[in-house]
Amino acid sequence: MDEYIKRTGEVAMEQAKKNNTYIVYEKDDKLVKEYHNGNIIPLNEDEKG
């Protein structure tokens, strides 16, 4: 199951790169955006929803 979850994240990042966008996930109890170039920035409260 862990391998499946890991692969799902890899596919998401591949799609983000293909579509020049980002993925969103939780890190240290906060939502962040990670871009295909490796930049990680916090997801602002005003961007939710």
PDB file of N, CA and C in Angstrom:
ATOM      1  N   MET A   1       0.822  -1.197   0.000  1.00  0.00           N
ATOM      2  CA  MET A   1       0.000   0.000   0.000  1.00  0.00           C
ATOM      3  C   MET A   1       0.868   1.265   0.000  1.00  0.00           C
ATOM      4  N   ASP A   2       1.964   1.266   0.774  1.00  0.00           N
ATOM      5  CA  ASP A   2       2.836   2.437   0.805  1.00  0.00           C
ATOM      6  C   ASP A   2       3.403   2.754  -0.574  1.00  0.00           C
ATOM      7  N   GLU A   3       3.750   1.731  -1.332  1.00  0.00           N
ATOM      8  CA  GLU A   3       4.286   1.928  -2.681  1.00  0.00           C
ATOM      9  C   GLU A   3       3.226   2.557  -3.590  1.00  0.00           C
ATOM     10  N   TYR A   4       1.983   2.142  -3.430  1.00  0.00           N
ATOM     11  CA  TYR A   4       0.878   2.691  -4.221  1.00  0.00           C
ATOM     12  C   TYR A   4       0.705   4.178  -3.921  1.00  0.00           C
ATOM     13  N   ILE A   5       0.743   4.537  -2.644  1.00  0.00           N
ATOM     14  CA  ILE A   5       0.591   5.935  -2.243  1.00  0.00           C
ATOM     15  C   ILE A   5       1.757   6.762  -2.795  1.00  0.00           C
ATOM     16  N   LYS A   6       2.959   6.245  -2.698  1.00  0.00           N
ATOM     17  CA  LYS A   6       4.142   6.939  -3.217  1.00  0.00           C
ATOM     18  C   LYS A   6       3.997   7.175  -4.719  1.00  0.00           C
ATOM     19  N   ARG A   7       3.587   6.152  -5.443  1.00  0.00           N
ATOM     20  CA  ARG A   7       3.438   6.266  -6.899  1.00  0.00           C
ATOM     21  C   ARG A   7       2.357   7.275  -7.272  1.00  0.00           C
ATOM     22  N   THR A   8       1.292   7.318  -6.496  1.00  0.00           N
ATOM     23  CA  THR A   8       0.223   8.292  -6.752  1.00  0.00           C
ATOM     24  C   THR A   8       0.767   9.718  -6.670  1.00  0.00           C
ATOM     25  N   GLY A   9       1.603   9.985  -5.666  1.00  0.00           N
ATOM     26  CA  GLY A   9       2.224  11.307  -5.536  1.00  0.00           C
ATOM     27  C   GLY A   9       3.148  11.620  -6.694  1.00  0.00           C
ATOM     28  N   GLU A  10       3.877  10.616  -7.151  1.00  0.00           N
ATOM     29  CA  GLU A  10       4.784  10.814  -8.289  1.00  0.00           C
ATOM     30  C   GLU A  10       4.003  11.142  -9.554  1.00  0.00           C
ATOM     31  N   VAL A  11       2.892  10.443  -9.758  1.00  0.00           N
ATOM     32  CA  VAL A  11       2.050  10.698 -10.939  1.00  0.00           C
ATOM     33  C   VAL A  11       1.465  12.106 -10.865  1.00  0.00           C
ATOM     34  N   ALA A  12       1.044  12.512  -9.672  1.00  0.00           N
ATOM     35  CA  ALA A  12       0.498  13.864  -9.508  1.00  0.00           C
ATOM     36  C   ALA A  12       1.538  14.911  -9.880  1.00  0.00           C
ATOM     37  N   MET A  13       2.781  14.714  -9.458  1.00  0.00           N
ATOM     38  CA  MET A  13       3.831  15.680  -9.779  1.00  0.00           C
ATOM     39  C   MET A  13       4.139  15.665 -11.268  1.00  0.00           C
ATOM     40  N   GLU A  14       4.122  14.496 -11.894  1.00  0.00           N
ATOM     41  CA  GLU A  14       4.335  14.421 -13.345  1.00  0.00           C
ATOM     42  C   GLU A  14       3.255  15.205 -14.083  1.00  0.00           C
ATOM     43  N   GLN A  15       2.013  15.068 -13.643  1.00  0.00           N
ATOM     44  CA  GLN A  15       0.915  15.800 -14.264  1.00  0.00           C
ATOM     45  C   GLN A  15       1.052  17.305 -14.027  1.00  0.00           C
ATOM     46  N   ALA A  16       1.494  17.688 -12.840  1.00  0.00           N
ATOM     47  CA  ALA A  16       1.691  19.111 -12.546  1.00  0.00           C
ATOM     48  C   ALA A  16       2.746  19.694 -13.479  1.00  0.00           C
ATOM     49  N   LYS A  17       3.823  18.951 -13.689  1.00  0.00           N
ATOM     50  CA  LYS A  17       4.877  19.419 -14.589  1.00  0.00           C
ATOM     51  C   LYS A  17       4.343  19.533 -16.008  1.00  0.00           C
ATOM     52  N   LYS A  18       3.618  18.528 -16.447  1.00  0.00           N
ATOM     53  CA  LYS A  18       3.058  18.522 -17.806  1.00  0.00           C
ATOM     54  C   LYS A  18       2.122  19.703 -18.030  1.00  0.00           C
ATOM     55  N   ASN A  19       1.356  20.060 -17.003  1.00  0.00           N
ATOM     56  CA  ASN A  19       0.354  21.121 -17.117  1.00  0.00           C
ATOM     57  C   ASN A  19       0.820  22.452 -16.528  1.00  0.00           C
ATOM     58  N   ASN A  20       2.126  22.538 -16.174  1.00  0.00           N
ATOM     59  CA  ASN A  20       2.707  23.763 -15.630  1.00  0.00           C
ATOM     60  C   ASN A  20       1.894  24.304 -14.451  1.00  0.00           C
ATOM     61  N   THR A  21       1.629  23.429 -13.483  1.00  0.00           N
ATOM     62  CA  THR A  21       0.859  23.808 -12.311  1.00  0.00           C
ATOM     63  C   THR A  21       1.525  23.221 -11.068  1.00  0.00           C
ATOM     64  N   TYR A  22       0.795  22.973 -10.018  1.00  0.00           N
ATOM     65  CA  TYR A  22       1.346  22.511  -8.758  1.00  0.00           C
ATOM     66  C   TYR A  22       0.447  21.446  -8.142  1.00  0.00           C
ATOM     67  N   ILE A  23       0.973  20.802  -7.079  1.00  0.00           N
ATOM     68  CA  ILE A  23       0.152  19.893  -6.291  1.00  0.00           C
ATOM     69  C   ILE A  23      -0.007  20.499  -4.903  1.00  0.00           C
ATOM     70  N   VAL A  24      -1.063  20.112  -4.217  1.00  0.00           N
ATOM     71  CA  VAL A  24      -1.330  20.596  -2.864  1.00  0.00           C
ATOM     72  C   VAL A  24      -1.357  19.404  -1.932  1.00  0.00           C
ATOM     73  N   TYR A  25      -0.683  19.546  -0.788  1.00  0.00           N
ATOM     74  CA  TYR A  25      -0.699  18.488   0.218  1.00  0.00           C
ATOM     75  C   TYR A  25      -0.430  19.093   1.584  1.00  0.00           C
ATOM     76  N   GLU A  26      -0.585  18.270   2.607  1.00  0.00           N
ATOM     77  CA  GLU A  26      -0.355  18.724   3.973  1.00  0.00           C
ATOM     78  C   GLU A  26       1.073  18.417   4.395  1.00  0.00           C
ATOM     79  N   LYS A  27       1.726  19.418   4.971  1.00  0.00           N
ATOM     80  CA  LYS A  27       3.081  19.268   5.481  1.00  0.00           C
ATOM     81  C   LYS A  27       3.163  20.034   6.790  1.00  0.00           C
ATOM     82  N   ASP A  28       3.577  19.373   7.848  1.00  0.00           N
ATOM     83  CA  ASP A  28       3.671  19.998   9.173  1.00  0.00           C
ATOM     84  C   ASP A  28       2.343  20.631   9.584  1.00  0.00           C
ATOM     85  N   ASP A  29       1.249  19.919   9.344  1.00  0.00           N
ATOM     86  CA  ASP A  29      -0.111  20.350   9.711  1.00  0.00           C
ATOM     87  C   ASP A  29      -0.585  21.593   8.967  1.00  0.00           C
ATOM     88  N   LYS A  30       0.034  21.917   7.840  1.00  0.00           N
ATOM     89  CA  LYS A  30      -0.399  23.060   7.028  1.00  0.00           C
ATOM     90  C   LYS A  30      -0.450  22.632   5.570  1.00  0.00           C
ATOM     91  N   LEU A  31      -1.355  23.240   4.808  1.00  0.00           N
ATOM     92  CA  LEU A  31      -1.429  22.956   3.386  1.00  0.00           C
ATOM     93  C   LEU A  31      -0.375  23.758   2.641  1.00  0.00           C
ATOM     94  N   VAL A  32       0.288  23.103   1.698  1.00  0.00           N
ATOM     95  CA  VAL A  32       1.319  23.751   0.900  1.00  0.00           C
ATOM     96  C   VAL A  32       1.101  23.436  -0.577  1.00  0.00           C
ATOM     97  N   LYS A  33       1.655  24.283  -1.414  1.00  0.00           N
ATOM     98  CA  LYS A  33       1.683  24.053  -2.856  1.00  0.00           C
ATOM     99  C   LYS A  33       3.116  23.717  -3.231  1.00  0.00           C
ATOM    100  N   GLU A  34       3.304  22.641  -3.978  1.00  0.00           N
ATOM    101  CA  GLU A  34       4.636  22.297  -4.457  1.00  0.00           C
ATOM    102  C   GLU A  34       4.621  22.336  -5.974  1.00  0.00           C
ATOM    103  N   TYR A  35       5.495  23.154  -6.531  1.00  0.00           N
ATOM    104  CA  TYR A  35       5.619  23.295  -7.972  1.00  0.00           C
ATOM    105  C   TYR A  35       6.596  22.258  -8.516  1.00  0.00           C
ATOM    106  N   HIS A  36       6.503  21.976  -9.785  1.00  0.00           N
ATOM    107  CA  HIS A  36       7.357  20.952 -10.400  1.00  0.00           C
ATOM    108  C   HIS A  36       8.833  21.280 -10.321  1.00  0.00           C
ATOM    109  N   ASN A  37       9.164  22.544 -10.092  1.00  0.00           N
ATOM    110  CA  ASN A  37      10.577  22.923  -9.983  1.00  0.00           C
ATOM    111  C   ASN A  37      11.111  22.752  -8.556  1.00  0.00           C
ATOM    112  N   GLY A  38      10.263  22.275  -7.647  1.00  0.00           N
ATOM    113  CA  GLY A  38      10.685  22.023  -6.274  1.00  0.00           C
ATOM    114  C   GLY A  38      10.316  23.113  -5.281  1.00  0.00           C
ATOM    115  N   ASN A  39       9.845  24.257  -5.758  1.00  0.00           N
ATOM    116  CA  ASN A  39       9.428  25.324  -4.846  1.00  0.00           C
ATOM    117  C   ASN A  39       8.204  24.884  -4.058  1.00  0.00           C
ATOM    118  N   ILE A  40       8.257  25.094  -2.747  1.00  0.00           N
ATOM    119  CA  ILE A  40       7.134  24.779  -1.870  1.00  0.00           C
ATOM    120  C   ILE A  40       6.748  26.053  -1.143  1.00  0.00           C
ATOM    121  N   ILE A  41       5.457  26.435  -1.246  1.00  0.00           N
ATOM    122  CA  ILE A  41       4.979  27.641  -0.577  1.00  0.00           C
ATOM    123  C   ILE A  41       3.683  27.308   0.168  1.00  0.00           C
ATOM    124  N   PRO A  42       3.430  28.017   1.274  1.00  0.00           N
ATOM    125  CA  PRO A  42       2.190  27.773   2.021  1.00  0.00           C
ATOM    126  C   PRO A  42       0.971  28.156   1.187  1.00  0.00           C
ATOM    127  N   LEU A  43      -0.104  27.409   1.381  1.00  0.00           N
ATOM    128  CA  LEU A  43      -1.369  27.750   0.747  1.00  0.00           C
ATOM    129  C   LEU A  43      -2.033  28.800   1.619  1.00  0.00           C
ATOM    130  N   ASN A  44      -2.287  29.964   1.075  1.00  0.00           N
ATOM    131  CA  ASN A  44      -2.868  31.059   1.848  1.00  0.00           C
ATOM    132  C   ASN A  44      -4.326  30.770   2.188  1.00  0.00           C
ATOM    133  N   GLU A  45      -4.740  31.227   3.339  1.00  0.00           N
ATOM    134  CA  GLU A  45      -6.110  31.026   3.785  1.00  0.00           C
ATOM    135  C   GLU A  45      -7.119  31.569   2.768  1.00  0.00           C
ATOM    136  N   ASP A  46      -6.829  32.697   2.142  1.00  0.00           N
ATOM    137  CA  ASP A  46      -7.767  33.310   1.199  1.00  0.00           C
ATOM    138  C   ASP A  46      -7.864  32.531  -0.105  1.00  0.00           C
ATOM    139  N   GLU A  47      -6.994  31.563  -0.343  1.00  0.00           N
ATOM    140  CA  GLU A  47      -7.040  30.756  -1.555  1.00  0.00           C
ATOM    141  C   GLU A  47      -7.908  29.522  -1.378  1.00  0.00           C
ATOM    142  N   LYS A  48      -8.271  29.174  -0.152  1.00  0.00           N
ATOM    143  CA  LYS A  48      -9.056  27.971   0.102  1.00  0.00           C
ATOM    144  C   LYS A  48     -10.471  28.147  -0.416  1.00  0.00           C
ATOM    145  N   GLY A  49     -11.010  27.040  -0.927  1.00  0.00           N
ATOM    146  CA  GLY A  49     -12.414  27.007  -1.312  1.00  0.00           C
ATOM    147  C   GLY A  49     -12.601  27.566  -2.638  1.00  0.00           C
TER     148      GLY A  49
END
